[in-house]
PDB file of N, CA and C in Angstrom:
ATOM      1  N   UNK A   1     -27.553  17.061 -33.202  1.00  0.00           N
ATOM      2  CA  UNK A   1     -26.302  16.521 -32.733  1.00  0.00           C
ATOM      3  C   UNK A   1     -26.273  16.599 -31.209  1.00  0.00           C
ATOM      4  N   UNK A   2     -25.938  15.484 -30.556  1.00  0.00           N
ATOM      5  CA  UNK A   2     -25.882  15.427 -29.101  1.00  0.00           C
ATOM      6  C   UNK A   2     -24.541  15.931 -28.589  1.00  0.00           C
ATOM      7  N   UNK A   3     -24.605  16.634 -27.456  1.00  0.00           N
ATOM      8  CA  UNK A   3     -23.379  17.098 -26.815  1.00  0.00           C
ATOM      9  C   UNK A   3     -22.920  16.065 -25.797  1.00  0.00           C
ATOM     10  N   UNK A   4     -21.646  15.961 -25.653  1.00  0.00           N
ATOM     11  CA  UNK A   4     -21.086  15.036 -24.681  1.00  0.00           C
ATOM     12  C   UNK A   4     -20.088  15.780 -23.805  1.00  0.00           C
ATOM     13  N   UNK A   5     -20.207  15.613 -22.514  1.00  0.00           N
ATOM     14  CA  UNK A   5     -19.289  16.250 -21.592  1.00  0.00           C
ATOM     15  C   UNK A   5     -18.341  15.215 -21.010  1.00  0.00           C
ATOM     16  N   UNK A   6     -17.110  15.639 -20.826  1.00  0.00           N
ATOM     17  CA  UNK A   6     -16.107  14.785 -20.212  1.00  0.00           C
ATOM     18  C   UNK A   6     -15.766  15.344 -18.851  1.00  0.00           C
ATOM     19  N   UNK A   7     -15.812  14.483 -17.850  1.00  0.00           N
ATOM     20  CA  UNK A   7     -15.455  14.902 -16.500  1.00  0.00           C
ATOM     21  C   UNK A   7     -13.951  14.733 -16.313  1.00  0.00           C
ATOM     22  N   UNK A   8     -13.248  15.840 -16.088  1.00  0.00           N
ATOM     23  CA  UNK A   8     -11.804  15.807 -15.895  1.00  0.00           C
ATOM     24  C   UNK A   8     -11.408  15.671 -14.430  1.00  0.00           C
ATOM     25  N   UNK A   9     -12.387  15.558 -13.550  1.00  0.00           N
ATOM     26  CA  UNK A   9     -12.157  15.347 -12.120  1.00  0.00           C
ATOM     27  C   UNK A   9     -11.299  16.428 -11.463  1.00  0.00           C
ATOM     28  N   UNK A  10     -11.481  17.670 -11.875  1.00  0.00           N
ATOM     29  CA  UNK A  10     -10.750  18.769 -11.260  1.00  0.00           C
ATOM     30  C   UNK A  10     -11.206  19.025  -9.828  1.00  0.00           C
ATOM     31  N   UNK A  11     -12.350  18.479  -9.466  1.00  0.00           N
ATOM     32  CA  UNK A  11     -12.874  18.693  -8.125  1.00  0.00           C
ATOM     33  C   UNK A  11     -12.292  17.719  -7.096  1.00  0.00           C
ATOM     34  N   UNK A  12     -11.502  16.740  -7.532  1.00  0.00           N
ATOM     35  CA  UNK A  12     -10.897  15.793  -6.604  1.00  0.00           C
ATOM     36  C   UNK A  12      -9.752  16.460  -5.856  1.00  0.00           C
ATOM     37  N   UNK A  13      -9.541  16.025  -4.623  1.00  0.00           N
ATOM     38  CA  UNK A  13      -8.440  16.560  -3.820  1.00  0.00           C
ATOM     39  C   UNK A  13      -7.107  16.145  -4.412  1.00  0.00           C
ATOM     40  N   UNK A  14      -6.153  17.078  -4.366  1.00  0.00           N
ATOM     41  CA  UNK A  14      -4.801  16.781  -4.803  1.00  0.00           C
ATOM     42  C   UNK A  14      -4.139  15.904  -3.759  1.00  0.00           C
ATOM     43  N   UNK A  15      -3.408  14.916  -4.181  1.00  0.00           N
ATOM     44  CA  UNK A  15      -2.737  14.021  -3.254  1.00  0.00           C
ATOM     45  C   UNK A  15      -1.253  13.996  -3.545  1.00  0.00           C
ATOM     46  N   UNK A  16      -0.459  14.034  -2.482  1.00  0.00           N
ATOM     47  CA  UNK A  16       0.984  13.901  -2.643  1.00  0.00           C
ATOM     48  C   UNK A  16       1.412  12.494  -2.244  1.00  0.00           C
ATOM     49  N   UNK A  17       0.542  11.544  -2.505  1.00  0.00           N
ATOM     50  CA  UNK A  17       0.837  10.162  -2.165  1.00  0.00           C
ATOM     51  C   UNK A  17       2.101   9.712  -2.885  1.00  0.00           C
ATOM     52  N   UNK A  18       2.888   8.892  -2.229  1.00  0.00           N
ATOM     53  CA  UNK A  18       4.131   8.448  -2.838  1.00  0.00           C
ATOM     54  C   UNK A  18       3.876   7.646  -4.103  1.00  0.00           C
ATOM     55  N   UNK A  19       4.791   7.752  -5.051  1.00  0.00           N
ATOM     56  CA  UNK A  19       4.671   7.022  -6.296  1.00  0.00           C
ATOM     57  C   UNK A  19       5.423   5.699  -6.230  1.00  0.00           C
ATOM     58  N   UNK A  20       5.966   5.381  -5.071  1.00  0.00           N
ATOM     59  CA  UNK A  20       6.734   4.159  -4.883  1.00  0.00           C
ATOM     60  C   UNK A  20       5.830   3.110  -4.245  1.00  0.00           C
ATOM     61  N   UNK A  21       5.771   1.941  -4.865  1.00  0.00           N
ATOM     62  CA  UNK A  21       4.932   0.874  -4.319  1.00  0.00           C
ATOM     63  C   UNK A  21       5.519   0.392  -2.995  1.00  0.00           C
ATOM     64  N   UNK A  22       4.672  -0.050  -2.056  1.00  0.00           N
ATOM     65  CA  UNK A  22       5.146  -0.432  -0.725  1.00  0.00           C
ATOM     66  C   UNK A  22       6.267  -1.481  -0.723  1.00  0.00           C
ATOM     67  N   UNK A  23       6.202  -2.473  -1.608  1.00  0.00           N
ATOM     68  CA  UNK A  23       7.232  -3.516  -1.629  1.00  0.00           C
ATOM     69  C   UNK A  23       8.595  -2.931  -1.985  1.00  0.00           C
ATOM     70  N   UNK A  24       8.636  -2.036  -2.955  1.00  0.00           N
ATOM     71  CA  UNK A  24       9.878  -1.392  -3.365  1.00  0.00           C
ATOM     72  C   UNK A  24      10.372  -0.460  -2.262  1.00  0.00           C
ATOM     73  N   UNK A  25       9.451   0.303  -1.667  1.00  0.00           N
ATOM     74  CA  UNK A  25       9.803   1.202  -0.561  1.00  0.00           C
ATOM     75  C   UNK A  25      10.424   0.420   0.584  1.00  0.00           C
ATOM     76  N   UNK A  26       9.851  -0.741   0.920  1.00  0.00           N
ATOM     77  CA  UNK A  26      10.359  -1.544   2.026  1.00  0.00           C
ATOM     78  C   UNK A  26      11.748  -2.106   1.720  1.00  0.00           C
ATOM     79  N   UNK A  27      11.985  -2.474   0.474  1.00  0.00           N
ATOM     80  CA  UNK A  27      13.308  -2.967   0.065  1.00  0.00           C
ATOM     81  C   UNK A  27      14.356  -1.858   0.191  1.00  0.00           C
ATOM     82  N   UNK A  28      13.997  -0.656  -0.229  1.00  0.00           N
ATOM     83  CA  UNK A  28      14.895   0.499  -0.118  1.00  0.00           C
ATOM     84  C   UNK A  28      15.127   0.837   1.351  1.00  0.00           C
ATOM     85  N   UNK A  29      14.086   0.772   2.165  1.00  0.00           N
ATOM     86  CA  UNK A  29      14.202   1.053   3.596  1.00  0.00           C
ATOM     87  C   UNK A  29      15.204   0.107   4.255  1.00  0.00           C
ATOM     88  N   UNK A  30      15.152  -1.169   3.903  1.00  0.00           N
ATOM     89  CA  UNK A  30      16.104  -2.133   4.466  1.00  0.00           C
ATOM     90  C   UNK A  30      17.531  -1.816   4.031  1.00  0.00           C
ATOM     91  N   UNK A  31      17.719  -1.502   2.748  1.00  0.00           N
ATOM     92  CA  UNK A  31      19.064  -1.227   2.223  1.00  0.00           C
ATOM     93  C   UNK A  31      19.682   0.014   2.865  1.00  0.00           C
ATOM     94  N   UNK A  32      18.877   1.060   3.114  1.00  0.00           N
ATOM     95  CA  UNK A  32      19.390   2.318   3.672  1.00  0.00           C
ATOM     96  C   UNK A  32      19.269   2.383   5.193  1.00  0.00           C
ATOM     97  N   UNK A  33      18.561   1.434   5.786  1.00  0.00           N
ATOM     98  CA  UNK A  33      18.386   1.433   7.232  1.00  0.00           C
ATOM     99  C   UNK A  33      17.513   2.569   7.721  1.00  0.00           C
ATOM    100  N   UNK A  34      16.474   2.902   6.961  1.00  0.00           N
ATOM    101  CA  UNK A  34      15.554   3.984   7.312  1.00  0.00           C
ATOM    102  C   UNK A  34      14.139   3.444   7.483  1.00  0.00           C
ATOM    103  N   UNK A  35      13.347   4.051   8.351  1.00  0.00           N
ATOM    104  CA  UNK A  35      11.976   3.593   8.584  1.00  0.00           C
ATOM    105  C   UNK A  35      10.973   4.204   7.590  1.00  0.00           C
ATOM    106  N   UNK A  36      11.186   3.982   6.303  1.00  0.00           N
ATOM    107  CA  UNK A  36      10.303   4.557   5.280  1.00  0.00           C
ATOM    108  C   UNK A  36       8.886   4.035   5.453  1.00  0.00           C
ATOM    109  N   UNK A  37       7.903   4.927   5.318  1.00  0.00           N
ATOM    110  CA  UNK A  37       6.506   4.554   5.439  1.00  0.00           C
ATOM    111  C   UNK A  37       6.012   4.487   6.870  1.00  0.00           C
ATOM    112  N   UNK A  38       6.876   4.819   7.826  1.00  0.00           N
ATOM    113  CA  UNK A  38       6.496   4.757   9.235  1.00  0.00           C
ATOM    114  C   UNK A  38       6.488   6.161   9.849  1.00  0.00           C
ATOM    115  N   UNK A  39       5.735   6.287  10.933  1.00  0.00           N
ATOM    116  CA  UNK A  39       5.653   7.571  11.643  1.00  0.00           C
ATOM    117  C   UNK A  39       6.893   7.715  12.516  1.00  0.00           C
ATOM    118  N   UNK A  40       7.627   8.817  12.322  1.00  0.00           N
ATOM    119  CA  UNK A  40       8.893   9.045  13.019  1.00  0.00           C
ATOM    120  C   UNK A  40       9.040  10.503  13.435  1.00  0.00           C
ATOM    121  N   UNK A  41      10.017  10.733  14.300  1.00  0.00           N
ATOM    122  CA  UNK A  41      10.502  12.077  14.560  1.00  0.00           C
ATOM    123  C   UNK A  41      11.921  12.110  14.011  1.00  0.00           C
ATOM    124  N   UNK A  42      12.225  13.099  13.164  1.00  0.00           N
ATOM    125  CA  UNK A  42      13.544  13.218  12.562  1.00  0.00           C
ATOM    126  C   UNK A  42      14.207  14.486  13.079  1.00  0.00           C
ATOM    127  N   UNK A  43      15.451  14.341  13.549  1.00  0.00           N
ATOM    128  CA  UNK A  43      16.279  15.484  13.944  1.00  0.00           C
ATOM    129  C   UNK A  43      17.359  15.647  12.886  1.00  0.00           C
ATOM    130  N   UNK A  44      17.700  16.886  12.584  1.00  0.00           N
ATOM    131  CA  UNK A  44      18.607  17.170  11.486  1.00  0.00           C
ATOM    132  C   UNK A  44      20.005  17.540  11.961  1.00  0.00           C
ATOM    133  N   UNK A  45      20.993  17.259  11.136  1.00  0.00           N
ATOM    134  CA  UNK A  45      22.389  17.581  11.401  1.00  0.00           C
ATOM    135  C   UNK A  45      22.547  19.090  11.541  1.00  0.00           C
ATOM    136  N   UNK A  46      23.319  19.511  12.529  1.00  0.00           N
ATOM    137  CA  UNK A  46      23.631  20.922  12.681  1.00  0.00           C
ATOM    138  C   UNK A  46      22.557  21.756  13.331  1.00  0.00           C
ATOM    139  N   UNK A  47      21.453  21.159  13.717  1.00  0.00           N
ATOM    140  CA  UNK A  47      20.361  21.877  14.400  1.00  0.00           C
ATOM    141  C   UNK A  47      19.877  23.114  13.649  1.00  0.00           C
ATOM    142  N   UNK A  48      20.022  23.162  12.332  1.00  0.00           N
ATOM    143  CA  UNK A  48      19.534  24.306  11.558  1.00  0.00           C
ATOM    144  C   UNK A  48      18.020  24.267  11.430  1.00  0.00           C
ATOM    145  N   UNK A  49      17.437  23.090  11.581  1.00  0.00           N
ATOM    146  CA  UNK A  49      15.983  22.931  11.538  1.00  0.00           C
ATOM    147  C   UNK A  49      15.536  22.240  12.814  1.00  0.00           C
ATOM    148  N   UNK A  50      14.359  22.564  13.226  1.00  0.00           N
ATOM    149  CA  UNK A  50      13.780  21.857  14.374  1.00  0.00           C
ATOM    150  C   UNK A  50      13.410  20.446  13.918  1.00  0.00           C
ATOM    151  N   UNK A  51      13.188  19.571  14.870  1.00  0.00           N
ATOM    152  CA  UNK A  51      12.764  18.213  14.548  1.00  0.00           C
ATOM    153  C   UNK A  51      11.384  18.252  13.903  1.00  0.00           C
ATOM    154  N   UNK A  52      11.104  17.276  13.065  1.00  0.00           N
ATOM    155  CA  UNK A  52       9.813  17.178  12.401  1.00  0.00           C
ATOM    156  C   UNK A  52       9.263  15.771  12.632  1.00  0.00           C
ATOM    157  N   UNK A  53       7.946  15.674  12.794  1.00  0.00           N
ATOM    158  CA  UNK A  53       7.316  14.373  12.991  1.00  0.00           C
ATOM    159  C   UNK A  53       6.314  14.116  11.875  1.00  0.00           C
ATOM    160  N   UNK A  54       6.171  12.851  11.536  1.00  0.00           N
ATOM    161  CA  UNK A  54       5.227  12.444  10.504  1.00  0.00           C
ATOM    162  C   UNK A  54       5.703  11.165   9.846  1.00  0.00           C
ATOM    163  N   UNK A  55       5.060  10.801   8.742  1.00  0.00           N
ATOM    164  CA  UNK A  55       5.408   9.582   8.008  1.00  0.00           C
ATOM    165  C   UNK A  55       6.563   9.900   7.059  1.00  0.00           C
ATOM    166  N   UNK A  56       7.651   9.155   7.201  1.00  0.00           N
ATOM    167  CA  UNK A  56       8.841   9.338   6.363  1.00  0.00           C
ATOM    168  C   UNK A  56       8.614   8.655   5.022  1.00  0.00           C
ATOM    169  N   UNK A  57       8.656   9.440   3.948  1.00  0.00           N
ATOM    170  CA  UNK A  57       8.399   8.907   2.608  1.00  0.00           C
ATOM    171  C   UNK A  57       9.499   9.302   1.638  1.00  0.00           C
ATOM    172  N   UNK A  58       9.666   8.482   0.612  1.00  0.00           N
ATOM    173  CA  UNK A  58      10.600   8.777  -0.480  1.00  0.00           C
ATOM    174  C   UNK A  58       9.997   9.824  -1.399  1.00  0.00           C
ATOM    175  N   UNK A  59      10.801  10.751  -1.860  1.00  0.00           N
ATOM    176  CA  UNK A  59      10.358  11.718  -2.870  1.00  0.00           C
ATOM    177  C   UNK A  59      10.554  11.099  -4.254  1.00  0.00           C
ATOM    178  N   UNK A  60      11.616  10.321  -4.423  1.00  0.00           N
ATOM    179  CA  UNK A  60      11.863   9.602  -5.674  1.00  0.00           C
ATOM    180  C   UNK A  60      12.728   8.382  -5.378  1.00  0.00           C
ATOM    181  N   UNK A  61      12.681   7.396  -6.252  1.00  0.00           N
ATOM    182  CA  UNK A  61      13.448   6.177  -6.037  1.00  0.00           C
ATOM    183  C   UNK A  61      14.904   6.390  -6.438  1.00  0.00           C
ATOM    184  N   UNK A  62      15.806   5.706  -5.745  1.00  0.00           N
ATOM    185  CA  UNK A  62      17.222   5.798  -6.100  1.00  0.00           C
ATOM    186  C   UNK A  62      17.514   4.938  -7.329  1.00  0.00           C
ATOM    187  N   UNK A  63      18.718   5.088  -7.841  1.00  0.00           N
ATOM    188  CA  UNK A  63      19.143   4.287  -8.989  1.00  0.00           C
ATOM    189  C   UNK A  63      19.333   2.833  -8.576  1.00  0.00           C
ATOM    190  N   UNK A  64      19.066   1.950  -9.534  1.00  0.00           N
ATOM    191  CA  UNK A  64      19.275   0.530  -9.300  1.00  0.00           C
ATOM    192  C   UNK A  64      20.515   0.110 -10.065  1.00  0.00           C
ATOM    193  N   UNK A  65      21.399  -0.703  -9.597  1.00  0.00           N
ATOM    194  CA  UNK A  65      21.325  -1.444  -8.352  1.00  0.00           C
ATOM    195  C   UNK A  65      21.500  -0.528  -7.144  1.00  0.00           C
ATOM    196  N   UNK A  66      20.894  -0.933  -6.011  1.00  0.00           N
ATOM    197  CA  UNK A  66      20.902  -0.100  -4.811  1.00  0.00           C
ATOM    198  C   UNK A  66      22.323   0.140  -4.321  1.00  0.00           C
ATOM    199  N   UNK A  67      22.594   1.390  -4.011  1.00  0.00           N
ATOM    200  CA  UNK A  67      23.863   1.777  -3.408  1.00  0.00           C
ATOM    201  C   UNK A  67      23.536   2.631  -2.185  1.00  0.00           C
ATOM    202  N   UNK A  68      23.581   2.070  -0.983  1.00  0.00           N
ATOM    203  CA  UNK A  68      23.207   2.815   0.218  1.00  0.00           C
ATOM    204  C   UNK A  68      24.022   4.088   0.458  1.00  0.00           C
ATOM    205  N   UNK A  69      25.108   4.275  -0.278  1.00  0.00           N
ATOM    206  CA  UNK A  69      25.875   5.519  -0.165  1.00  0.00           C
ATOM    207  C   UNK A  69      25.220   6.647  -0.953  1.00  0.00           C
ATOM    208  N   UNK A  70      24.304   6.306  -1.855  1.00  0.00           N
ATOM    209  CA  UNK A  70      23.585   7.314  -2.636  1.00  0.00           C
ATOM    210  C   UNK A  70      22.615   8.061  -1.730  1.00  0.00           C
ATOM    211  N   UNK A  71      22.526   9.359  -1.916  1.00  0.00           N
ATOM    212  CA  UNK A  71      21.623  10.191  -1.123  1.00  0.00           C
ATOM    213  C   UNK A  71      20.185   9.997  -1.587  1.00  0.00           C
ATOM    214  N   UNK A  72      19.274   9.821  -0.631  1.00  0.00           N
ATOM    215  CA  UNK A  72      17.851   9.705  -0.944  1.00  0.00           C
ATOM    216  C   UNK A  72      17.171  11.052  -0.760  1.00  0.00           C
ATOM    217  N   UNK A  73      16.191  11.352  -1.599  1.00  0.00           N
ATOM    218  CA  UNK A  73      15.328  12.529  -1.425  1.00  0.00           C
ATOM    219  C   UNK A  73      14.112  12.050  -0.644  1.00  0.00           C
ATOM    220  N   UNK A  74      13.885  12.670   0.512  1.00  0.00           N
ATOM    221  CA  UNK A  74      12.825  12.261   1.422  1.00  0.00           C
ATOM    222  C   UNK A  74      11.895  13.426   1.718  1.00  0.00           C
ATOM    223  N   UNK A  75      10.767  13.125   2.335  1.00  0.00           N
ATOM    224  CA  UNK A  75       9.888  14.196   2.816  1.00  0.00           C
ATOM    225  C   UNK A  75       8.995  13.691   3.937  1.00  0.00           C
ATOM    226  N   UNK A  76       8.630  14.647   4.788  1.00  0.00           N
ATOM    227  CA  UNK A  76       7.648  14.438   5.847  1.00  0.00           C
ATOM    228  C   UNK A  76       6.731  15.647   5.823  1.00  0.00           C
ATOM    229  N   UNK A  77       5.433  15.411   5.640  1.00  0.00           N
ATOM    230  CA  UNK A  77       4.427  16.485   5.642  1.00  0.00           C
ATOM    231  C   UNK A  77       4.827  17.675   4.776  1.00  0.00           C
ATOM    232  N   UNK A  78       5.361  17.409   3.584  1.00  0.00           N
ATOM    233  CA  UNK A  78       5.690  18.481   2.655  1.00  0.00           C
ATOM    234  C   UNK A  78       7.075  19.067   2.821  1.00  0.00           C
ATOM    235  N   UNK A  79       7.788  18.741   3.898  1.00  0.00           N
ATOM    236  CA  UNK A  79       9.145  19.229   4.106  1.00  0.00           C
ATOM    237  C   UNK A  79      10.105  18.258   3.422  1.00  0.00           C
ATOM    238  N   UNK A  80      10.830  18.755   2.424  1.00  0.00           N
ATOM    239  CA  UNK A  80      11.775  17.919   1.690  1.00  0.00           C
ATOM    240  C   UNK A  80      13.167  18.056   2.274  1.00  0.00           C
ATOM    241  N   UNK A  81      13.895  16.925   2.282  1.00  0.00           N
ATOM    242  CA  UNK A  81      15.267  16.922   2.771  1.00  0.00           C
ATOM    243  C   UNK A  81      15.963  15.677   2.229  1.00  0.00           C
ATOM    244  N   UNK A  82      17.281  15.610   2.414  1.00  0.00           N
ATOM    245  CA  UNK A  82      18.026  14.445   1.938  1.00  0.00           C
ATOM    246  C   UNK A  82      18.341  13.515   3.110  1.00  0.00           C
ATOM    247  N   UNK A  83      18.652  12.293   2.789  1.00  0.00           N
ATOM    248  CA  UNK A  83      18.988  11.315   3.819  1.00  0.00           C
ATOM    249  C   UNK A  83      20.257  11.719   4.573  1.00  0.00           C
ATOM    250  N   UNK A  84      21.120  12.487   3.954  1.00  0.00           N
ATOM    251  CA  UNK A  84      22.358  12.933   4.611  1.00  0.00           C
ATOM    252  C   UNK A  84      22.114  14.023   5.641  1.00  0.00           C
ATOM    253  N   UNK A  85      20.952  14.672   5.596  1.00  0.00           N
ATOM    254  CA  UNK A  85      20.634  15.720   6.564  1.00  0.00           C
ATOM    255  C   UNK A  85      20.120  15.159   7.883  1.00  0.00           C
ATOM    256  N   UNK A  86      19.811  13.868   7.921  1.00  0.00           N
ATOM    257  CA  UNK A  86      19.249  13.260   9.136  1.00  0.00           C
ATOM    258  C   UNK A  86      20.369  12.971  10.134  1.00  0.00           C
ATOM    259  N   UNK A  87      20.228  13.535  11.329  1.00  0.00           N
ATOM    260  CA  UNK A  87      21.158  13.227  12.414  1.00  0.00           C
ATOM    261  C   UNK A  87      20.717  11.957  13.117  1.00  0.00           C
ATOM    262  N   UNK A  88      19.399  11.909  13.447  1.00  0.00           N
ATOM    263  CA  UNK A  88      18.837  10.720  14.082  1.00  0.00           C
ATOM    264  C   UNK A  88      17.325  10.706  13.857  1.00  0.00           C
ATOM    265  N   UNK A  89      16.741   9.529  14.001  1.00  0.00           N
ATOM    266  CA  UNK A  89      15.295   9.392  13.899  1.00  0.00           C
ATOM    267  C   UNK A  89      14.812   8.473  15.006  1.00  0.00           C
ATOM    268  N   UNK A  90      13.543   8.664  15.377  1.00  0.00           N
ATOM    269  CA  UNK A  90      12.914   7.867  16.419  1.00  0.00           C
ATOM    270  C   UNK A  90      11.539   7.436  15.932  1.00  0.00           C
ATOM    271  N   UNK A  91      11.247   6.150  16.040  1.00  0.00           N
ATOM    272  CA  UNK A  91       9.908   5.661  15.702  1.00  0.00           C
ATOM    273  C   UNK A  91       8.912   6.169  16.737  1.00  0.00           C
ATOM    274  N   UNK A  92       7.741   6.582  16.283  1.00  0.00           N
ATOM    275  CA  UNK A  92       6.698   7.049  17.194  1.00  0.00           C
ATOM    276  C   UNK A  92       5.557   6.046  17.257  1.00  0.00           C
TER     277      UNK A  92
END
């Protein structure tokens, strides 16, 4: 009887790539007025956190139909925050 091995690819690097396709991300970015998928510097309300720089990405998609008043879950370089925590952002 022949043995067969299955490669489960455990040696591949873990990726936190967004699960949102670019077209959907861009539509959400327009509705919320945020530079999703772009390199930015974000400053937070209340100065409780220092500014962070990196690519602004969605953590999860909002409910459809789009309601820009709904809070988005975002992240930059592993730091998670909500769209309501953003005081201002600057494109880099």
